[in-house]
């Protein structure tokens, strides 16, 4: 599954796309098993023409299956400005995923 969010920030429509991650088990350095999840980056974009959103999302979601969720491979297809962002949490986060959101917005030139 995917999550698509649209934020209106400073008169710009910024879209964020997240891919649902599957649970998995990961080996730690000592050989112990740890519960984890797949590590995908998120995609953030601003379209040149907001009217293109339906066509672009349909193409994006269709192509995502061929790249197995690696959205970095699709950035160049975007009819506008697009980039990927990490989900690294910050130690001083007040709200879960705050750092990831600020990172995504920063990629579109929006500073908090």
PDB file of N, CA and C in Angstrom:
ATOM      1  N   UNK A   1       0.818  -1.176   0.000  1.00  0.00           N
ATOM      2  CA  UNK A   1       0.000   0.000   0.000  1.00  0.00           C
ATOM      3  C   UNK A   1       0.871   1.251   0.000  1.00  0.00           C
ATOM      4  N   UNK A   2       0.262   2.339  -0.289  1.00  0.00           N
ATOM      5  CA  UNK A   2       0.945   3.623  -0.278  1.00  0.00           C
ATOM      6  C   UNK A   2       0.095   4.659   0.445  1.00  0.00           C
ATOM      7  N   UNK A   3       0.775   5.657   0.945  1.00  0.00           N
ATOM      8  CA  UNK A   3       0.124   6.812   1.542  1.00  0.00           C
ATOM      9  C   UNK A   3       0.519   8.014   0.707  1.00  0.00           C
ATOM     10  N   UNK A   4      -0.471   8.791   0.296  1.00  0.00           N
ATOM     11  CA  UNK A   4      -0.205  10.022  -0.443  1.00  0.00           C
ATOM     12  C   UNK A   4      -0.817  11.155   0.366  1.00  0.00           C
ATOM     13  N   UNK A   5       0.013  12.117   0.733  1.00  0.00           N
ATOM     14  CA  UNK A   5      -0.458  13.271   1.501  1.00  0.00           C
ATOM     15  C   UNK A   5      -0.160  14.539   0.706  1.00  0.00           C
ATOM     16  N   UNK A   6      -1.109  15.474   0.739  1.00  0.00           N
ATOM     17  CA  UNK A   6      -0.902  16.765   0.076  1.00  0.00           C
ATOM     18  C   UNK A   6      -0.960  17.848   1.146  1.00  0.00           C
ATOM     19  N   UNK A   7       0.079  18.663   1.188  1.00  0.00           N
ATOM     20  CA  UNK A   7       0.151  19.774   2.130  1.00  0.00           C
ATOM     21  C   UNK A   7       0.161  21.068   1.329  1.00  0.00           C
ATOM     22  N   UNK A   8      -0.578  22.051   1.793  1.00  0.00           N
ATOM     23  CA  UNK A   8      -0.531  23.367   1.176  1.00  0.00           C
ATOM     24  C   UNK A   8       0.350  24.229   2.072  1.00  0.00           C
ATOM     25  N   UNK A   9       1.576  24.485   1.607  1.00  0.00           N
ATOM     26  CA  UNK A   9       2.558  25.225   2.399  1.00  0.00           C
ATOM     27  C   UNK A   9       3.024  26.426   1.593  1.00  0.00           C
ATOM     28  N   UNK A  10       2.738  27.604   2.094  1.00  0.00           N
ATOM     29  CA  UNK A  10       3.172  28.822   1.407  1.00  0.00           C
ATOM     30  C   UNK A  10       2.629  28.939   0.002  1.00  0.00           C
ATOM     31  N   UNK A  11       1.420  28.461  -0.223  1.00  0.00           N
ATOM     32  CA  UNK A  11       0.813  28.534  -1.548  1.00  0.00           C
ATOM     33  C   UNK A  11       1.243  27.428  -2.493  1.00  0.00           C
ATOM     34  N   UNK A  12       2.132  26.535  -2.040  1.00  0.00           N
ATOM     35  CA  UNK A  12       2.574  25.403  -2.855  1.00  0.00           C
ATOM     36  C   UNK A  12       1.848  24.147  -2.391  1.00  0.00           C
ATOM     37  N   UNK A  13       1.494  23.279  -3.339  1.00  0.00           N
ATOM     38  CA  UNK A  13       0.963  21.963  -2.999  1.00  0.00           C
ATOM     39  C   UNK A  13       2.141  20.994  -2.990  1.00  0.00           C
ATOM     40  N   UNK A  14       2.521  20.565  -1.805  1.00  0.00           N
ATOM     41  CA  UNK A  14       3.624  19.624  -1.647  1.00  0.00           C
ATOM     42  C   UNK A  14       3.008  18.253  -1.388  1.00  0.00           C
ATOM     43  N   UNK A  15       3.423  17.266  -2.167  1.00  0.00           N
ATOM     44  CA  UNK A  15       2.911  15.903  -2.025  1.00  0.00           C
ATOM     45  C   UNK A  15       3.996  15.009  -1.435  1.00  0.00           C
ATOM     46  N   UNK A  16       3.584  14.155  -0.526  1.00  0.00           N
ATOM     47  CA  UNK A  16       4.493  13.190   0.078  1.00  0.00           C
ATOM     48  C   UNK A  16       3.913  11.800  -0.148  1.00  0.00           C
ATOM     49  N   UNK A  17       4.749  10.908  -0.665  1.00  0.00           N
ATOM     50  CA  UNK A  17       4.329   9.532  -0.927  1.00  0.00           C
ATOM     51  C   UNK A  17       5.190   8.598  -0.083  1.00  0.00           C
ATOM     52  N   UNK A  18       4.520   7.721   0.638  1.00  0.00           N
ATOM     53  CA  UNK A  18       5.190   6.721   1.476  1.00  0.00           C
ATOM     54  C   UNK A  18       4.747   5.336   1.034  1.00  0.00           C
ATOM     55  N   UNK A  19       5.664   4.391   1.045  1.00  0.00           N
ATOM     56  CA  UNK A  19       5.380   3.004   0.709  1.00  0.00           C
ATOM     57  C   UNK A  19       5.235   2.224   2.008  1.00  0.00           C
ATOM     58  N   UNK A  20       4.196   1.392   2.080  1.00  0.00           N
ATOM     59  CA  UNK A  20       4.006   0.559   3.264  1.00  0.00           C
ATOM     60  C   UNK A  20       5.161  -0.436   3.360  1.00  0.00           C
ATOM     61  N   UNK A  21       5.651  -0.616   4.556  1.00  0.00           N
ATOM     62  CA  UNK A  21       6.808  -1.491   4.778  1.00  0.00           C
ATOM     63  C   UNK A  21       6.369  -2.811   5.385  1.00  0.00           C
ATOM     64  N   UNK A  22       6.981  -3.873   4.909  1.00  0.00           N
ATOM     65  CA  UNK A  22       6.705  -5.187   5.479  1.00  0.00           C
ATOM     66  C   UNK A  22       7.580  -5.401   6.702  1.00  0.00           C
ATOM     67  N   UNK A  23       7.038  -6.128   7.653  1.00  0.00           N
ATOM     68  CA  UNK A  23       7.837  -6.508   8.822  1.00  0.00           C
ATOM     69  C   UNK A  23       8.858  -7.549   8.402  1.00  0.00           C
ATOM     70  N   UNK A  24       9.982  -7.535   9.081  1.00  0.00           N
ATOM     71  CA  UNK A  24      11.019  -8.540   8.821  1.00  0.00           C
ATOM     72  C   UNK A  24      11.854  -8.699  10.070  1.00  0.00           C
ATOM     73  N   UNK A  25      12.679  -9.705  10.073  1.00  0.00           N
ATOM     74  CA  UNK A  25      13.603  -9.943  11.173  1.00  0.00           C
ATOM     75  C   UNK A  25      15.002  -9.658  10.670  1.00  0.00           C
ATOM     76  N   UNK A  26      15.783  -8.968  11.493  1.00  0.00           N
ATOM     77  CA  UNK A  26      17.114  -8.529  11.094  1.00  0.00           C
ATOM     78  C   UNK A  26      18.122  -9.031  12.123  1.00  0.00           C
ATOM     79  N   UNK A  27      19.298  -9.433  11.659  1.00  0.00           N
ATOM     80  CA  UNK A  27      20.363  -9.862  12.567  1.00  0.00           C
ATOM     81  C   UNK A  27      21.155  -8.657  13.042  1.00  0.00           C
ATOM     82  N   UNK A  28      21.372  -8.595  14.343  1.00  0.00           N
ATOM     83  CA  UNK A  28      22.215  -7.547  14.906  1.00  0.00           C
ATOM     84  C   UNK A  28      23.665  -8.033  14.874  1.00  0.00           C
ATOM     85  N   UNK A  29      24.575  -7.153  15.253  1.00  0.00           N
ATOM     86  CA  UNK A  29      25.998  -7.476  15.217  1.00  0.00           C
ATOM     87  C   UNK A  29      26.373  -8.729  15.997  1.00  0.00           C
ATOM     88  N   UNK A  30      25.733  -8.993  17.123  1.00  0.00           N
ATOM     89  CA  UNK A  30      26.050 -10.155  17.955  1.00  0.00           C
ATOM     90  C   UNK A  30      25.342 -11.412  17.469  1.00  0.00           C
ATOM     91  N   UNK A  31      24.621 -11.326  16.361  1.00  0.00           N
ATOM     92  CA  UNK A  31      23.920 -12.483  15.837  1.00  0.00           C
ATOM     93  C   UNK A  31      22.508 -12.633  16.381  1.00  0.00           C
ATOM     94  N   UNK A  32      22.104 -11.748  17.266  1.00  0.00           N
ATOM     95  CA  UNK A  32      20.743 -11.787  17.798  1.00  0.00           C
ATOM     96  C   UNK A  32      19.761 -11.289  16.744  1.00  0.00           C
ATOM     97  N   UNK A  33      18.546 -11.840  16.767  1.00  0.00           N
ATOM     98  CA  UNK A  33      17.513 -11.412  15.836  1.00  0.00           C
ATOM     99  C   UNK A  33      16.711 -10.270  16.447  1.00  0.00           C
ATOM    100  N   UNK A  34      16.333  -9.317  15.595  1.00  0.00           N
ATOM    101  CA  UNK A  34      15.607  -8.138  16.037  1.00  0.00           C
ATOM    102  C   UNK A  34      14.460  -7.881  15.059  1.00  0.00           C
ATOM    103  N   UNK A  35      13.286  -7.526  15.587  1.00  0.00           N
ATOM    104  CA  UNK A  35      12.165  -7.161  14.726  1.00  0.00           C
ATOM    105  C   UNK A  35      12.481  -5.835  14.038  1.00  0.00           C
ATOM    106  N   UNK A  36      12.159  -5.754  12.761  1.00  0.00           N
ATOM    107  CA  UNK A  36      12.467  -4.572  11.983  1.00  0.00           C
ATOM    108  C   UNK A  36      11.426  -4.444  10.875  1.00  0.00           C
ATOM    109  N   UNK A  37      11.653  -3.543   9.963  1.00  0.00           N
ATOM    110  CA  UNK A  37      10.807  -3.400   8.787  1.00  0.00           C
ATOM    111  C   UNK A  37      11.675  -3.004   7.603  1.00  0.00           C
ATOM    112  N   UNK A  38      11.119  -3.166   6.405  1.00  0.00           N
ATOM    113  CA  UNK A  38      11.853  -2.779   5.210  1.00  0.00           C
ATOM    114  C   UNK A  38      12.221  -1.300   5.295  1.00  0.00           C
ATOM    115  N   UNK A  39      13.321  -0.949   4.672  1.00  0.00           N
ATOM    116  CA  UNK A  39      13.757   0.453   4.727  1.00  0.00           C
ATOM    117  C   UNK A  39      13.575   1.105   3.359  1.00  0.00           C
ATOM    118  N   UNK A  40      12.471   1.810   3.215  1.00  0.00           N
ATOM    119  CA  UNK A  40      12.209   2.576   1.995  1.00  0.00           C
ATOM    120  C   UNK A  40      12.365   4.054   2.302  1.00  0.00           C
ATOM    121  N   UNK A  41      12.762   4.794   1.290  1.00  0.00           N
ATOM    122  CA  UNK A  41      12.763   6.248   1.403  1.00  0.00           C
ATOM    123  C   UNK A  41      11.397   6.748   0.966  1.00  0.00           C
ATOM    124  N   UNK A  42      11.062   7.949   1.386  1.00  0.00           N
ATOM    125  CA  UNK A  42       9.820   8.580   0.950  1.00  0.00           C
ATOM    126  C   UNK A  42      10.093   9.450  -0.267  1.00  0.00           C
ATOM    127  N   UNK A  43       9.039   9.805  -0.973  1.00  0.00           N
ATOM    128  CA  UNK A  43       9.134  10.680  -2.141  1.00  0.00           C
ATOM    129  C   UNK A  43       8.352  11.947  -1.850  1.00  0.00           C
ATOM    130  N   UNK A  44       8.959  13.085  -2.125  1.00  0.00           N
ATOM    131  CA  UNK A  44       8.294  14.380  -1.962  1.00  0.00           C
ATOM    132  C   UNK A  44       8.376  15.097  -3.307  1.00  0.00           C
ATOM    133  N   UNK A  45       7.274  15.761  -3.695  1.00  0.00           N
ATOM    134  CA  UNK A  45       7.298  16.462  -4.981  1.00  0.00           C
ATOM    135  C   UNK A  45       6.328  17.630  -5.000  1.00  0.00           C
ATOM    136  N   UNK A  46       6.634  18.568  -5.893  1.00  0.00           N
ATOM    137  CA  UNK A  46       5.773  19.702  -6.217  1.00  0.00           C
ATOM    138  C   UNK A  46       5.644  19.694  -7.733  1.00  0.00           C
ATOM    139  N   UNK A  47       4.431  19.633  -8.218  1.00  0.00           N
ATOM    140  CA  UNK A  47       4.199  19.572  -9.659  1.00  0.00           C
ATOM    141  C   UNK A  47       4.240  20.963 -10.286  1.00  0.00           C
ATOM    142  N   UNK A  48       4.694  21.017 -11.546  1.00  0.00           N
ATOM    143  CA  UNK A  48       4.675  22.280 -12.288  1.00  0.00           C
ATOM    144  C   UNK A  48       3.237  22.732 -12.504  1.00  0.00           C
ATOM    145  N   UNK A  49       2.346  21.770 -12.778  1.00  0.00           N
ATOM    146  CA  UNK A  49       0.928  22.067 -12.987  1.00  0.00           C
ATOM    147  C   UNK A  49       0.116  21.110 -12.110  1.00  0.00           C
ATOM    148  N   UNK A  50      -0.544  21.648 -11.103  1.00  0.00           N
ATOM    149  CA  UNK A  50      -1.305  20.837 -10.154  1.00  0.00           C
ATOM    150  C   UNK A  50      -2.376  19.993 -10.844  1.00  0.00           C
ATOM    151  N   UNK A  51      -2.821  20.401 -12.020  1.00  0.00           N
ATOM    152  CA  UNK A  51      -3.841  19.646 -12.758  1.00  0.00           C
ATOM    153  C   UNK A  51      -3.310  18.285 -13.214  1.00  0.00           C
ATOM    154  N   UNK A  52      -1.996  18.098 -13.223  1.00  0.00           N
ATOM    155  CA  UNK A  52      -1.382  16.837 -13.658  1.00  0.00           C
ATOM    156  C   UNK A  52      -1.383  15.768 -12.564  1.00  0.00           C
ATOM    157  N   UNK A  53      -1.898  16.055 -11.375  1.00  0.00           N
ATOM    158  CA  UNK A  53      -1.766  15.143 -10.243  1.00  0.00           C
ATOM    159  C   UNK A  53      -2.376  13.766 -10.519  1.00  0.00           C
ATOM    160  N   UNK A  54      -3.557  13.699 -11.113  1.00  0.00           N
ATOM    161  CA  UNK A  54      -4.197  12.399 -11.349  1.00  0.00           C
ATOM    162  C   UNK A  54      -3.367  11.517 -12.280  1.00  0.00           C
ATOM    163  N   UNK A  55      -2.905  12.097 -13.377  1.00  0.00           N
ATOM    164  CA  UNK A  55      -2.106  11.337 -14.345  1.00  0.00           C
ATOM    165  C   UNK A  55      -0.770  10.931 -13.734  1.00  0.00           C
ATOM    166  N   UNK A  56      -0.104  11.871 -13.047  1.00  0.00           N
ATOM    167  CA  UNK A  56       1.199  11.581 -12.455  1.00  0.00           C
ATOM    168  C   UNK A  56       1.089  10.503 -11.374  1.00  0.00           C
ATOM    169  N   UNK A  57       0.099  10.581 -10.510  1.00  0.00           N
ATOM    170  CA  UNK A  57      -0.044   9.568  -9.465  1.00  0.00           C
ATOM    171  C   UNK A  57      -0.325   8.197 -10.058  1.00  0.00           C
ATOM    172  N   UNK A  58      -1.155   8.148 -11.062  1.00  0.00           N
ATOM    173  CA  UNK A  58      -1.448   6.864 -11.710  1.00  0.00           C
ATOM    174  C   UNK A  58      -0.163   6.267 -12.286  1.00  0.00           C
ATOM    175  N   UNK A  59       0.635   7.092 -12.974  1.00  0.00           N
ATOM    176  CA  UNK A  59       1.904   6.615 -13.540  1.00  0.00           C
ATOM    177  C   UNK A  59       2.884   6.214 -12.439  1.00  0.00           C
ATOM    178  N   UNK A  60       2.986   7.058 -11.411  1.00  0.00           N
ATOM    179  CA  UNK A  60       3.905   6.794 -10.312  1.00  0.00           C
ATOM    180  C   UNK A  60       3.581   5.473  -9.630  1.00  0.00           C
ATOM    181  N   UNK A  61       2.334   5.274  -9.267  1.00  0.00           N
ATOM    182  CA  UNK A  61       1.946   4.057  -8.564  1.00  0.00           C
ATOM    183  C   UNK A  61       2.099   2.823  -9.443  1.00  0.00           C
ATOM    184  N   UNK A  62       1.863   2.976 -10.733  1.00  0.00           N
ATOM    185  CA  UNK A  62       2.062   1.860 -11.657  1.00  0.00           C
ATOM    186  C   UNK A  62       3.543   1.499 -11.770  1.00  0.00           C
ATOM    187  N   UNK A  63       4.404   2.502 -11.919  1.00  0.00           N
ATOM    188  CA  UNK A  63       5.835   2.260 -12.072  1.00  0.00           C
ATOM    189  C   UNK A  63       6.496   1.775 -10.784  1.00  0.00           C
ATOM    190  N   UNK A  64       5.916   2.121  -9.639  1.00  0.00           N
ATOM    191  CA  UNK A  64       6.511   1.763  -8.360  1.00  0.00           C
ATOM    192  C   UNK A  64       6.674   0.253  -8.205  1.00  0.00           C
ATOM    193  N   UNK A  65       5.776  -0.505  -8.785  1.00  0.00           N
ATOM    194  CA  UNK A  65       5.881  -1.968  -8.659  1.00  0.00           C
ATOM    195  C   UNK A  65       7.086  -2.511  -9.425  1.00  0.00           C
ATOM    196  N   UNK A  66       7.462  -1.857 -10.521  1.00  0.00           N
ATOM    197  CA  UNK A  66       8.596  -2.328 -11.314  1.00  0.00           C
ATOM    198  C   UNK A  66       9.930  -2.021 -10.653  1.00  0.00           C
ATOM    199  N   UNK A  67       9.970  -0.986  -9.821  1.00  0.00           N
ATOM    200  CA  UNK A  67      11.213  -0.636  -9.129  1.00  0.00           C
ATOM    201  C   UNK A  67      11.189  -1.146  -7.682  1.00  0.00           C
ATOM    202  N   UNK A  68      10.173  -1.947  -7.365  1.00  0.00           N
ATOM    203  CA  UNK A  68      10.027  -2.579  -6.044  1.00  0.00           C
ATOM    204  C   UNK A  68      10.067  -1.575  -4.898  1.00  0.00           C
ATOM    205  N   UNK A  69       9.423  -0.444  -5.104  1.00  0.00           N
ATOM    206  CA  UNK A  69       9.310   0.553  -4.050  1.00  0.00           C
ATOM    207  C   UNK A  69      10.494   1.483  -3.907  1.00  0.00           C
ATOM    208  N   UNK A  70      11.505   1.330  -4.750  1.00  0.00           N
ATOM    209  CA  UNK A  70      12.687   2.198  -4.679  1.00  0.00           C
ATOM    210  C   UNK A  70      12.371   3.470  -5.468  1.00  0.00           C
ATOM    211  N   UNK A  71      11.764   4.431  -4.771  1.00  0.00           N
ATOM    212  CA  UNK A  71      11.232   5.621  -5.432  1.00  0.00           C
ATOM    213  C   UNK A  71      12.313   6.529  -6.013  1.00  0.00           C
ATOM    214  N   UNK A  72      13.539   6.382  -5.577  1.00  0.00           N
ATOM    215  CA  UNK A  72      14.629   7.190  -6.125  1.00  0.00           C
ATOM    216  C   UNK A  72      14.757   6.991  -7.639  1.00  0.00           C
ATOM    217  N   UNK A  73      14.411   5.805  -8.103  1.00  0.00           N
ATOM    218  CA  UNK A  73      14.493   5.504  -9.527  1.00  0.00           C
ATOM    219  C   UNK A  73      13.411   6.221 -10.339  1.00  0.00           C
ATOM    220  N   UNK A  74      12.417   6.793  -9.664  1.00  0.00           N
ATOM    221  CA  UNK A  74      11.293   7.432 -10.351  1.00  0.00           C
ATOM    222  C   UNK A  74      11.326   8.953 -10.286  1.00  0.00           C
ATOM    223  N   UNK A  75      12.270   9.515  -9.552  1.00  0.00           N
ATOM    224  CA  UNK A  75      12.332  10.966  -9.362  1.00  0.00           C
ATOM    225  C   UNK A  75      12.389  11.712 -10.695  1.00  0.00           C
ATOM    226  N   UNK A  76      13.150  11.227 -11.638  1.00  0.00           N
ATOM    227  CA  UNK A  76      13.317  11.902 -12.925  1.00  0.00           C
ATOM    228  C   UNK A  76      12.060  11.923 -13.782  1.00  0.00           C
ATOM    229  N   UNK A  77      11.077  11.102 -13.478  1.00  0.00           N
ATOM    230  CA  UNK A  77       9.833  11.057 -14.243  1.00  0.00           C
ATOM    231  C   UNK A  77       8.859  12.156 -13.844  1.00  0.00           C
ATOM    232  N   UNK A  78       9.073  12.776 -12.698  1.00  0.00           N
ATOM    233  CA  UNK A  78       8.118  13.728 -12.147  1.00  0.00           C
ATOM    234  C   UNK A  78       8.023  14.993 -12.998  1.00  0.00           C
ATOM    235  N   UNK A  79       6.794  15.407 -13.355  1.00  0.00           N
ATOM    236  CA  UNK A  79       6.619  16.656 -14.104  1.00  0.00           C
ATOM    237  C   UNK A  79       6.654  17.863 -13.154  1.00  0.00           C
ATOM    238  N   UNK A  80       7.784  18.055 -12.542  1.00  0.00           N
ATOM    239  CA  UNK A  80       7.972  19.120 -11.561  1.00  0.00           C
ATOM    240  C   UNK A  80       9.244  18.851 -10.787  1.00  0.00           C
ATOM    241  N   UNK A  81       9.261  19.276  -9.541  1.00  0.00           N
ATOM    242  CA  UNK A  81      10.425  19.084  -8.681  1.00  0.00           C
ATOM    243  C   UNK A  81      10.140  17.901  -7.753  1.00  0.00           C
ATOM    244  N   UNK A  82      11.096  16.963  -7.650  1.00  0.00           N
ATOM    245  CA  UNK A  82      10.911  15.789  -6.807  1.00  0.00           C
ATOM    246  C   UNK A  82      12.235  15.382  -6.192  1.00  0.00           C
ATOM    247  N   UNK A  83      12.152  14.735  -5.039  1.00  0.00           N
ATOM    248  CA  UNK A  83      13.342  14.225  -4.359  1.00  0.00           C
ATOM    249  C   UNK A  83      12.902  13.141  -3.381  1.00  0.00           C
ATOM    250  N   UNK A  84      13.864  12.407  -2.883  1.00  0.00           N
ATOM    251  CA  UNK A  84      13.592  11.387  -1.871  1.00  0.00           C
ATOM    252  C   UNK A  84      14.067  11.904  -0.524  1.00  0.00           C
ATOM    253  N   UNK A  85      13.534  11.318   0.552  1.00  0.00           N
ATOM    254  CA  UNK A  85      13.960  11.708   1.889  1.00  0.00           C
ATOM    255  C   UNK A  85      14.018  10.495   2.795  1.00  0.00           C
ATOM    256  N   UNK A  86      14.879  10.591   3.805  1.00  0.00           N
ATOM    257  CA  UNK A  86      15.044   9.513   4.785  1.00  0.00           C
ATOM    258  C   UNK A  86      14.057   9.669   5.928  1.00  0.00           C
ATOM    259  N   UNK A  87      13.927   8.612   6.697  1.00  0.00           N
ATOM    260  CA  UNK A  87      13.027   8.590   7.844  1.00  0.00           C
ATOM    261  C   UNK A  87      13.788   8.552   9.160  1.00  0.00           C
ATOM    262  N   UNK A  88      14.991   9.053   9.175  1.00  0.00           N
ATOM    263  CA  UNK A  88      15.806   8.996  10.391  1.00  0.00           C
ATOM    264  C   UNK A  88      15.177   9.855  11.489  1.00  0.00           C
ATOM    265  N   UNK A  89      14.868   9.258  12.632  1.00  0.00           N
ATOM    266  CA  UNK A  89      14.288  10.042  13.729  1.00  0.00           C
ATOM    267  C   UNK A  89      15.348  10.921  14.392  1.00  0.00           C
ATOM    268  N   UNK A  90      14.926  12.072  14.879  1.00  0.00           N
ATOM    269  CA  UNK A  90      15.821  12.959  15.615  1.00  0.00           C
ATOM    270  C   UNK A  90      15.618  12.710  17.101  1.00  0.00           C
ATOM    271  N   UNK A  91      16.661  12.919  17.870  1.00  0.00           N
ATOM    272  CA  UNK A  91      16.572  12.658  19.312  1.00  0.00           C
ATOM    273  C   UNK A  91      15.670  13.661  20.019  1.00  0.00           C
ATOM    274  N   UNK A  92      15.463  14.826  19.430  1.00  0.00           N
ATOM    275  CA  UNK A  92      14.664  15.862  20.079  1.00  0.00           C
ATOM    276  C   UNK A  92      13.275  16.027  19.454  1.00  0.00           C
ATOM    277  N   UNK A  93      12.768  14.999  18.792  1.00  0.00           N
ATOM    278  CA  UNK A  93      11.445  15.078  18.170  1.00  0.00           C
ATOM    279  C   UNK A  93      10.356  15.252  19.221  1.00  0.00           C
ATOM    280  N   UNK A  94       9.477  16.195  18.981  1.00  0.00           N
ATOM    281  CA  UNK A  94       8.315  16.403  19.846  1.00  0.00           C
ATOM    282  C   UNK A  94       7.150  15.517  19.398  1.00  0.00           C
ATOM    283  N   UNK A  95       7.104  15.240  18.089  1.00  0.00           N
ATOM    284  CA  UNK A  95       6.033  14.465  17.467  1.00  0.00           C
ATOM    285  C   UNK A  95       6.692  13.360  16.641  1.00  0.00           C
ATOM    286  N   UNK A  96       6.165  12.121  16.674  1.00  0.00           N
ATOM    287  CA  UNK A  96       6.748  11.057  15.852  1.00  0.00           C
ATOM    288  C   UNK A  96       6.806  11.459  14.372  1.00  0.00           C
ATOM    289  N   UNK A  97       7.907  11.186  13.740  1.00  0.00           N
ATOM    290  CA  UNK A  97       8.152  11.441  12.308  1.00  0.00           C
ATOM    291  C   UNK A  97       8.306  12.923  11.970  1.00  0.00           C
ATOM    292  N   UNK A  98       8.426  13.765  12.963  1.00  0.00           N
ATOM    293  CA  UNK A  98       8.602  15.200  12.729  1.00  0.00           C
ATOM    294  C   UNK A  98       9.859  15.469  11.900  1.00  0.00           C
ATOM    295  N   UNK A  99      10.947  14.803  12.232  1.00  0.00           N
ATOM    296  CA  UNK A  99      12.207  15.019  11.511  1.00  0.00           C
ATOM    297  C   UNK A  99      12.084  14.607  10.050  1.00  0.00           C
ATOM    298  N   UNK A 100      11.387  13.510   9.774  1.00  0.00           N
ATOM    299  CA  UNK A 100      11.207  13.056   8.393  1.00  0.00           C
ATOM    300  C   UNK A 100      10.397  14.080   7.600  1.00  0.00           C
ATOM    301  N   UNK A 101       9.345  14.616   8.203  1.00  0.00           N
ATOM    302  CA  UNK A 101       8.527  15.618   7.521  1.00  0.00           C
ATOM    303  C   UNK A 101       9.331  16.883   7.246  1.00  0.00           C
ATOM    304  N   UNK A 102      10.076  17.356   8.230  1.00  0.00           N
ATOM    305  CA  UNK A 102      10.888  18.559   8.029  1.00  0.00           C
ATOM    306  C   UNK A 102      11.967  18.324   6.972  1.00  0.00           C
ATOM    307  N   UNK A 103      12.522  17.122   6.949  1.00  0.00           N
ATOM    308  CA  UNK A 103      13.508  16.753   5.935  1.00  0.00           C
ATOM    309  C   UNK A 103      12.868  16.812   4.545  1.00  0.00           C
ATOM    310  N   UNK A 104      11.668  16.241   4.409  1.00  0.00           N
ATOM    311  CA  UNK A 104      10.972  16.231   3.118  1.00  0.00           C
ATOM    312  C   UNK A 104      10.666  17.650   2.651  1.00  0.00           C
ATOM    313  N   UNK A 105      10.134  18.477   3.540  1.00  0.00           N
ATOM    314  CA  UNK A 105       9.812  19.851   3.170  1.00  0.00           C
ATOM    315  C   UNK A 105      11.065  20.638   2.806  1.00  0.00           C
ATOM    316  N   UNK A 106      12.163  20.388   3.506  1.00  0.00           N
ATOM    317  CA  UNK A 106      13.426  21.037   3.190  1.00  0.00           C
ATOM    318  C   UNK A 106      13.908  20.718   1.789  1.00  0.00           C
ATOM    319  N   UNK A 107      13.629  19.504   1.313  1.00  0.00           N
ATOM    320  CA  UNK A 107      14.014  19.113  -0.046  1.00  0.00           C
ATOM    321  C   UNK A 107      13.273  19.938  -1.100  1.00  0.00           C
ATOM    322  N   UNK A 108      12.120  20.490  -0.717  1.00  0.00           N
ATOM    323  CA  UNK A 108      11.336  21.323  -1.638  1.00  0.00           C
ATOM    324  C   UNK A 108      11.573  22.805  -1.385  1.00  0.00           C
ATOM    325  N   UNK A 109      12.601  23.120  -0.594  1.00  0.00           N
ATOM    326  CA  UNK A 109      12.963  24.513  -0.328  1.00  0.00           C
ATOM    327  C   UNK A 109      12.113  25.189   0.707  1.00  0.00           C
ATOM    328  N   UNK A 110      11.394  24.415   1.509  1.00  0.00           N
ATOM    329  CA  UNK A 110      10.539  24.976   2.557  1.00  0.00           C
ATOM    330  C   UNK A 110      11.221  24.761   3.892  1.00  0.00           C
ATOM    331  N   UNK A 111      11.545  25.851   4.551  1.00  0.00           N
ATOM    332  CA  UNK A 111      12.223  25.788   5.851  1.00  0.00           C
ATOM    333  C   UNK A 111      11.237  26.038   6.967  1.00  0.00           C
ATOM    334  N   UNK A 112      11.361  25.275   8.027  1.00  0.00           N
ATOM    335  CA  UNK A 112      10.444  25.436   9.173  1.00  0.00           C
ATOM    336  C   UNK A 112      11.002  26.419  10.180  1.00  0.00           C
TER     337      UNK A 112
END
